[in-house]
Amino acid sequence: MSAASRTDPVATRLAGVIGPVVDTAGYDLEELVVTPAGRRSVIRVVVDRDAGVTLDDVAEVSRAVSAALDEHDGDMGRAPYVLEVTSPGVDRPLTEPRHWRRNTGRLVTVGVGPAGATEQVTARLLEVDDTGVILAVEVTGKPGARKRPPTERRVPWQELGTGRVQVEFARGGAAVDEADPDQQPDPADEDDGGGQ
């Protein structure tokens, strides 16, 4: 959970109520923040799990957390509140082994190396295990130079900084095999728009 939720006494009390409910439902409680908003409070609950979180999952957890809060209404002092249950966004920092595991295959930026000698790299996260991660580090070259293939690098947990997932957009013409730039899409696969 976030540092803010550990130091806020209301969030700490609520974590004792909400944490077990989220855990029983099969999710990890990633963050719990209570923010005053006028006469009410906003309770923001961020959940995640290895299989990911769907809208149906959010609704399920929201119902369970709401029921638990109703049973323990003394924890909020009977004050009105708004409950927000969500999954972590792509901008969530990767700090725990489970965060890294859930992002295998994604492009990340991260500081790697021993303390005092870290370097910032952009890499594809290939593998995660108990000892650390394996990254396919992109080799930076001179502008206009031919792109070199990535280099695999094993990084132990103690030399791995906080990572960030990089958003990737699909390039146009992705259906054409990049290994054969002369390949043309099959015209039979295209819709002629004739509506017949």
C-alpha atoms as a PDB file:
ATOM      1  CA  MET A   1       0.000   0.000   0.000  1.00  0.00           C
ATOM      2  CA  SER A   2       1.070   3.587  -0.489  1.00  0.00           C
ATOM      3  CA  ALA A   3       2.938   5.521   2.188  1.00  0.00           C
ATOM      4  CA  ALA A   4       0.027   7.983   2.467  1.00  0.00           C
ATOM      5  CA  SER A   5      -2.338   5.242   3.549  1.00  0.00           C
ATOM      6  CA  ARG A   6       0.072   3.951   6.207  1.00  0.00           C
ATOM      7  CA  THR A   7       0.463   7.339   7.915  1.00  0.00           C
ATOM      8  CA  ASP A   8      -3.202   8.444   7.736  1.00  0.00           C
ATOM      9  CA  PRO A   9      -4.976   7.085  10.843  1.00  0.00           C
ATOM     10  CA  VAL A  10      -8.372   6.847   9.078  1.00  0.00           C
ATOM     11  CA  ALA A  11      -6.846   4.955   6.143  1.00  0.00           C
ATOM     12  CA  THR A  12      -4.963   2.712   8.562  1.00  0.00           C
ATOM     13  CA  ARG A  13      -8.204   1.839  10.391  1.00  0.00           C
ATOM     14  CA  LEU A  14     -10.024   1.262   7.109  1.00  0.00           C
ATOM     15  CA  ALA A  15      -7.193  -0.940   5.812  1.00  0.00           C
ATOM     16  CA  GLY A  16      -7.998  -3.308   8.682  1.00  0.00           C
ATOM     17  CA  VAL A  17     -11.571  -3.567   7.367  1.00  0.00           C
ATOM     18  CA  ILE A  18     -10.988  -3.379   3.608  1.00  0.00           C
ATOM     19  CA  GLY A  19      -7.737  -5.382   3.359  1.00  0.00           C
ATOM     20  CA  PRO A  20      -9.197  -8.748   4.411  1.00  0.00           C
ATOM     21  CA  VAL A  21     -12.239  -8.262   2.130  1.00  0.00           C
ATOM     22  CA  VAL A  22     -10.043  -7.543  -0.896  1.00  0.00           C
ATOM     23  CA  ASP A  23      -7.735 -10.450  -0.007  1.00  0.00           C
ATOM     24  CA  THR A  24     -10.656 -12.876   0.372  1.00  0.00           C
ATOM     25  CA  ALA A  25     -11.943 -11.816  -3.058  1.00  0.00           C
ATOM     26  CA  GLY A  26      -8.543 -12.814  -4.524  1.00  0.00           C
ATOM     27  CA  TYR A  27      -7.009  -9.382  -5.132  1.00  0.00           C
ATOM     28  CA  ASP A  28      -4.087  -7.383  -3.775  1.00  0.00           C
ATOM     29  CA  LEU A  29      -4.839  -4.075  -2.083  1.00  0.00           C
ATOM     30  CA  GLU A  30      -2.340  -1.828  -3.871  1.00  0.00           C
ATOM     31  CA  GLU A  31      -3.429   1.489  -2.412  1.00  0.00           C
ATOM     32  CA  LEU A  32      -5.976   2.939   0.000  1.00  0.00           C
ATOM     33  CA  VAL A  33      -6.355   6.705   0.232  1.00  0.00           C
ATOM     34  CA  VAL A  34      -8.965   8.676   2.148  1.00  0.00           C
ATOM     35  CA  THR A  35      -9.376  12.285   0.965  1.00  0.00           C
ATOM     36  CA  PRO A  36     -11.715  14.858   2.534  1.00  0.00           C
ATOM     37  CA  ALA A  37     -14.081  16.375  -0.055  1.00  0.00           C
ATOM     38  CA  GLY A  38     -16.352  18.911   1.595  1.00  0.00           C
ATOM     39  CA  ARG A  39     -18.700  17.197   4.035  1.00  0.00           C
ATOM     40  CA  ARG A  40     -17.857  13.756   2.774  1.00  0.00           C
ATOM     41  CA  SER A  41     -14.717  11.727   2.212  1.00  0.00           C
ATOM     42  CA  VAL A  42     -13.555   9.935  -0.900  1.00  0.00           C
ATOM     43  CA  ILE A  43     -12.254   6.439  -0.187  1.00  0.00           C
ATOM     44  CA  ARG A  44     -10.078   5.333  -3.112  1.00  0.00           C
ATOM     45  CA  VAL A  45      -9.285   1.618  -3.199  1.00  0.00           C
ATOM     46  CA  VAL A  46      -6.838   0.361  -5.833  1.00  0.00           C
ATOM     47  CA  VAL A  47      -6.811  -3.414  -6.416  1.00  0.00           C
ATOM     48  CA  ASP A  48      -4.870  -5.692  -8.726  1.00  0.00           C
ATOM     49  CA  ARG A  49      -4.135  -9.370  -9.343  1.00  0.00           C
ATOM     50  CA  ASP A  50      -2.029 -11.487 -11.698  1.00  0.00           C
ATOM     51  CA  ALA A  51      -4.923 -12.123 -14.105  1.00  0.00           C
ATOM     52  CA  GLY A  52      -5.670  -8.400 -14.344  1.00  0.00           C
ATOM     53  CA  VAL A  53      -8.810  -6.564 -13.288  1.00  0.00           C
ATOM     54  CA  THR A  54     -11.951  -6.181 -15.413  1.00  0.00           C
ATOM     55  CA  LEU A  55     -14.895  -3.842 -14.910  1.00  0.00           C
ATOM     56  CA  ASP A  56     -16.898  -6.788 -13.547  1.00  0.00           C
ATOM     57  CA  ASP A  57     -14.098  -7.435 -11.042  1.00  0.00           C
ATOM     58  CA  VAL A  58     -14.158  -3.790  -9.931  1.00  0.00           C
ATOM     59  CA  ALA A  59     -17.936  -4.006  -9.436  1.00  0.00           C
ATOM     60  CA  GLU A  60     -17.578  -7.228  -7.411  1.00  0.00           C
ATOM     61  CA  VAL A  61     -14.898  -5.750  -5.140  1.00  0.00           C
ATOM     62  CA  SER A  62     -16.841  -2.504  -4.810  1.00  0.00           C
ATOM     63  CA  ARG A  63     -19.931  -4.363  -3.560  1.00  0.00           C
ATOM     64  CA  ALA A  64     -17.880  -6.394  -1.071  1.00  0.00           C
ATOM     65  CA  VAL A  65     -15.984  -3.351   0.244  1.00  0.00           C
ATOM     66  CA  SER A  66     -19.178  -1.300   0.498  1.00  0.00           C
ATOM     67  CA  ALA A  67     -20.861  -4.064   2.532  1.00  0.00           C
ATOM     68  CA  ALA A  68     -17.837  -4.271   4.847  1.00  0.00           C
ATOM     69  CA  LEU A  69     -17.833  -0.487   5.333  1.00  0.00           C
ATOM     70  CA  ASP A  70     -21.572  -0.568   6.111  1.00  0.00           C
ATOM     71  CA  GLU A  71     -20.928  -3.223   8.793  1.00  0.00           C
ATOM     72  CA  HIS A  72     -18.131  -1.113  10.299  1.00  0.00           C
ATOM     73  CA  ASP A  73     -19.710   2.333   9.906  1.00  0.00           C
ATOM     74  CA  GLY A  74     -18.019   3.450  13.135  1.00  0.00           C
ATOM     75  CA  ASP A  75     -14.686   3.537  11.259  1.00  0.00           C
ATOM     76  CA  MET A  76     -15.932   6.483   9.204  1.00  0.00           C
ATOM     77  CA  GLY A  77     -17.755   8.064  12.154  1.00  0.00           C
ATOM     78  CA  ARG A  78     -21.049   7.704  10.234  1.00  0.00           C
ATOM     79  CA  ALA A  79     -19.812  10.457   7.930  1.00  0.00           C
ATOM     80  CA  PRO A  80     -20.911  10.266   4.286  1.00  0.00           C
ATOM     81  CA  TYR A  81     -18.355   8.950   1.859  1.00  0.00           C
ATOM     82  CA  VAL A  82     -17.855   8.143  -1.808  1.00  0.00           C
ATOM     83  CA  LEU A  83     -16.221   4.801  -2.573  1.00  0.00           C
ATOM     84  CA  GLU A  84     -13.986   4.536  -5.649  1.00  0.00           C
ATOM     85  CA  VAL A  85     -12.642   1.088  -6.510  1.00  0.00           C
ATOM     86  CA  THR A  86     -10.230   0.945  -9.417  1.00  0.00           C
ATOM     87  CA  SER A  87      -7.267  -0.900 -10.876  1.00  0.00           C
ATOM     88  CA  PRO A  88      -3.786   0.633 -11.100  1.00  0.00           C
ATOM     89  CA  GLY A  89      -3.118   2.787 -14.130  1.00  0.00           C
ATOM     90  CA  VAL A  90      -0.283   2.269 -16.579  1.00  0.00           C
ATOM     91  CA  ASP A  91       1.609   5.069 -14.829  1.00  0.00           C
ATOM     92  CA  ARG A  92       1.813   3.135 -11.566  1.00  0.00           C
ATOM     93  CA  PRO A  93       5.468   2.678 -10.563  1.00  0.00           C
ATOM     94  CA  LEU A  94       6.756  -0.896 -10.562  1.00  0.00           C
ATOM     95  CA  THR A  95       8.102  -1.374  -7.039  1.00  0.00           C
ATOM     96  CA  GLU A  96       7.144  -4.897  -5.966  1.00  0.00           C
ATOM     97  CA  PRO A  97       8.047  -8.228  -7.614  1.00  0.00           C
ATOM     98  CA  ARG A  98       4.322  -8.801  -8.315  1.00  0.00           C
ATOM     99  CA  HIS A  99       4.171  -5.484 -10.235  1.00  0.00           C
ATOM    100  CA  TRP A 100       7.077  -6.607 -12.418  1.00  0.00           C
ATOM    101  CA  ARG A 101       5.585 -10.087 -12.933  1.00  0.00           C
ATOM    102  CA  ARG A 102       2.264  -8.589 -14.063  1.00  0.00           C
ATOM    103  CA  ASN A 103       4.048  -6.522 -16.709  1.00  0.00           C
ATOM    104  CA  THR A 104       6.145  -9.250 -18.355  1.00  0.00           C
ATOM    105  CA  GLY A 105       6.443  -8.508 -22.075  1.00  0.00           C
ATOM    106  CA  ARG A 106       5.957  -4.750 -21.642  1.00  0.00           C
ATOM    107  CA  LEU A 107       8.455  -1.991 -22.423  1.00  0.00           C
ATOM    108  CA  VAL A 108       9.772  -0.317 -19.246  1.00  0.00           C
ATOM    109  CA  THR A 109      12.230   2.355 -18.176  1.00  0.00           C
ATOM    110  CA  VAL A 110      14.171   1.671 -15.010  1.00  0.00           C
ATOM    111  CA  GLY A 111      17.374   2.546 -13.217  1.00  0.00           C
ATOM    112  CA  VAL A 112      19.635  -0.517 -12.953  1.00  0.00           C
ATOM    113  CA  GLY A 113      22.973  -1.176 -11.305  1.00  0.00           C
ATOM    114  CA  PRO A 114      24.550  -0.991  -7.859  1.00  0.00           C
ATOM    115  CA  ALA A 115      23.854   1.998  -5.601  1.00  0.00           C
ATOM    116  CA  GLY A 116      25.768   5.045  -6.781  1.00  0.00           C
ATOM    117  CA  ALA A 117      26.340   3.595 -10.248  1.00  0.00           C
ATOM    118  CA  THR A 118      22.855   3.201 -11.697  1.00  0.00           C
ATOM    119  CA  GLU A 119      22.016   3.835 -15.329  1.00  0.00           C
ATOM    120  CA  GLN A 120      18.585   4.530 -16.786  1.00  0.00           C
ATOM    121  CA  VAL A 121      17.603   1.978 -19.448  1.00  0.00           C
ATOM    122  CA  THR A 122      14.613   1.298 -21.676  1.00  0.00           C
ATOM    123  CA  ALA A 123      14.020  -2.413 -22.028  1.00  0.00           C
ATOM    124  CA  ARG A 124      11.463  -5.131 -22.714  1.00  0.00           C
ATOM    125  CA  LEU A 125      10.698  -7.109 -19.532  1.00  0.00           C
ATOM    126  CA  LEU A 126      11.320 -10.724 -20.556  1.00  0.00           C
ATOM    127  CA  GLU A 127      11.234 -12.713 -17.333  1.00  0.00           C
ATOM    128  CA  VAL A 128      10.706 -12.338 -13.586  1.00  0.00           C
ATOM    129  CA  ASP A 129      11.799 -14.822 -10.927  1.00  0.00           C
ATOM    130  CA  ASP A 130      12.741 -14.930  -7.225  1.00  0.00           C
ATOM    131  CA  THR A 131      16.218 -13.493  -7.865  1.00  0.00           C
ATOM    132  CA  GLY A 132      15.317 -10.594 -10.174  1.00  0.00           C
ATOM    133  CA  VAL A 133      14.386  -9.844 -13.778  1.00  0.00           C
ATOM    134  CA  ILE A 134      15.713 -10.400 -17.284  1.00  0.00           C
ATOM    135  CA  LEU A 135      15.511  -7.351 -19.519  1.00  0.00           C
ATOM    136  CA  ALA A 136      16.051  -7.002 -23.273  1.00  0.00           C
ATOM    137  CA  VAL A 137      17.844  -3.639 -23.118  1.00  0.00           C
ATOM    138  CA  GLU A 138      17.514  -1.418 -26.167  1.00  0.00           C
ATOM    139  CA  VAL A 139      20.905  -0.325 -27.467  1.00  0.00           C
ATOM    140  CA  THR A 140      20.996   3.381 -28.226  1.00  0.00           C
ATOM    141  CA  GLY A 141      22.982   4.382 -31.274  1.00  0.00           C
ATOM    142  CA  LYS A 142      23.646   7.433 -33.348  1.00  0.00           C
ATOM    143  CA  PRO A 143      20.648   9.021 -35.075  1.00  0.00           C
ATOM    144  CA  GLY A 144      20.139   7.496 -38.509  1.00  0.00           C
ATOM    145  CA  ALA A 145      22.288   4.451 -37.688  1.00  0.00           C
ATOM    146  CA  ARG A 146      20.873   0.984 -38.183  1.00  0.00           C
ATOM    147  CA  LYS A 147      19.068  -0.193 -35.061  1.00  0.00           C
ATOM    148  CA  ARG A 148      20.896  -2.971 -33.227  1.00  0.00           C
ATOM    149  CA  PRO A 149      19.089  -5.848 -31.542  1.00  0.00           C
ATOM    150  CA  PRO A 150      18.457  -5.565 -27.790  1.00  0.00           C
ATOM    151  CA  THR A 151      20.895  -7.088 -25.301  1.00  0.00           C
ATOM    152  CA  GLU A 152      19.610  -9.440 -22.608  1.00  0.00           C
ATOM    153  CA  ARG A 153      20.580  -8.391 -19.109  1.00  0.00           C
ATOM    154  CA  ARG A 154      19.839 -10.135 -15.813  1.00  0.00           C
ATOM    155  CA  VAL A 155      19.249  -7.636 -13.007  1.00  0.00           C
ATOM    156  CA  PRO A 156      18.992  -8.818  -9.364  1.00  0.00           C
ATOM    157  CA  TRP A 157      16.283  -7.227  -7.209  1.00  0.00           C
ATOM    158  CA  GLN A 158      18.822  -5.264  -5.148  1.00  0.00           C
ATOM    159  CA  GLU A 159      20.086  -3.533  -8.336  1.00  0.00           C
ATOM    160  CA  LEU A 160      16.644  -2.805  -9.786  1.00  0.00           C
ATOM    161  CA  GLY A 161      15.140   0.640  -9.243  1.00  0.00           C
ATOM    162  CA  THR A 162      11.542   1.730  -9.594  1.00  0.00           C
ATOM    163  CA  GLY A 163      10.288   0.986 -13.098  1.00  0.00           C
ATOM    164  CA  ARG A 164       7.694   2.651 -15.284  1.00  0.00           C
ATOM    165  CA  VAL A 165       5.745   0.995 -18.098  1.00  0.00           C
ATOM    166  CA  GLN A 166       6.101   2.780 -21.423  1.00  0.00           C
ATOM    167  CA  VAL A 167       2.940   3.161 -23.479  1.00  0.00           C
ATOM    168  CA  GLU A 168       3.356   1.643 -26.947  1.00  0.00           C
ATOM    169  CA  PHE A 169       1.160   2.394 -29.907  1.00  0.00           C
ATOM    170  CA  ALA A 170       0.798  -0.022 -32.834  1.00  0.00           C
ATOM    171  CA  ARG A 171       2.372   1.260 -36.011  1.00  0.00           C
ATOM    172  CA  GLY A 172       0.323   1.477 -39.201  1.00  0.00           C
ATOM    173  CA  GLY A 173       0.733  -1.478 -41.560  1.00  0.00           C
ATOM    174  CA  ALA A 174       1.505  -3.853 -38.707  1.00  0.00           C
ATOM    175  CA  ALA A 175      -0.075  -6.691 -40.717  1.00  0.00           C
ATOM    176  CA  VAL A 176       2.831  -6.595 -43.155  1.00  0.00           C
ATOM    177  CA  ASP A 177       5.716  -8.841 -42.109  1.00  0.00           C
ATOM    178  CA  GLU A 178       8.552  -6.575 -40.964  1.00  0.00           C
ATOM    179  CA  ALA A 179      11.108  -9.201 -41.980  1.00  0.00           C
ATOM    180  CA  ASP A 180       9.997  -8.789 -45.610  1.00  0.00           C
ATOM    181  CA  PRO A 181       9.389  -5.101 -46.388  1.00  0.00           C
ATOM    182  CA  ASP A 182       8.387  -5.965 -49.989  1.00  0.00           C
ATOM    183  CA  GLN A 183       5.473  -8.103 -48.805  1.00  0.00           C
ATOM    184  CA  GLN A 184       2.098  -6.614 -49.679  1.00  0.00           C
ATOM    185  CA  PRO A 185      -1.163  -7.281 -47.840  1.00  0.00           C
ATOM    186  CA  ASP A 186      -3.366  -9.890 -49.503  1.00  0.00           C
ATOM    187  CA  PRO A 187      -6.097  -8.032 -51.456  1.00  0.00           C
ATOM    188  CA  ALA A 188      -8.523 -10.854 -50.667  1.00  0.00           C
ATOM    189  CA  ASP A 189      -8.304  -9.783 -47.006  1.00  0.00           C
ATOM    190  CA  GLU A 190      -9.498  -6.246 -47.772  1.00  0.00           C
ATOM    191  CA  ASP A 191     -13.177  -5.267 -47.829  1.00  0.00           C
ATOM    192  CA  ASP A 192     -14.081  -3.587 -51.118  1.00  0.00           C
ATOM    193  CA  GLY A 193     -16.900  -1.688 -49.383  1.00  0.00           C
ATOM    194  CA  GLY A 194     -19.347  -2.826 -52.092  1.00  0.00           C
ATOM    195  CA  GLY A 195     -21.886  -4.054 -49.538  1.00  0.00           C
ATOM    196  CA  GLN A 196     -22.884  -7.107 -51.578  1.00  0.00           C
END
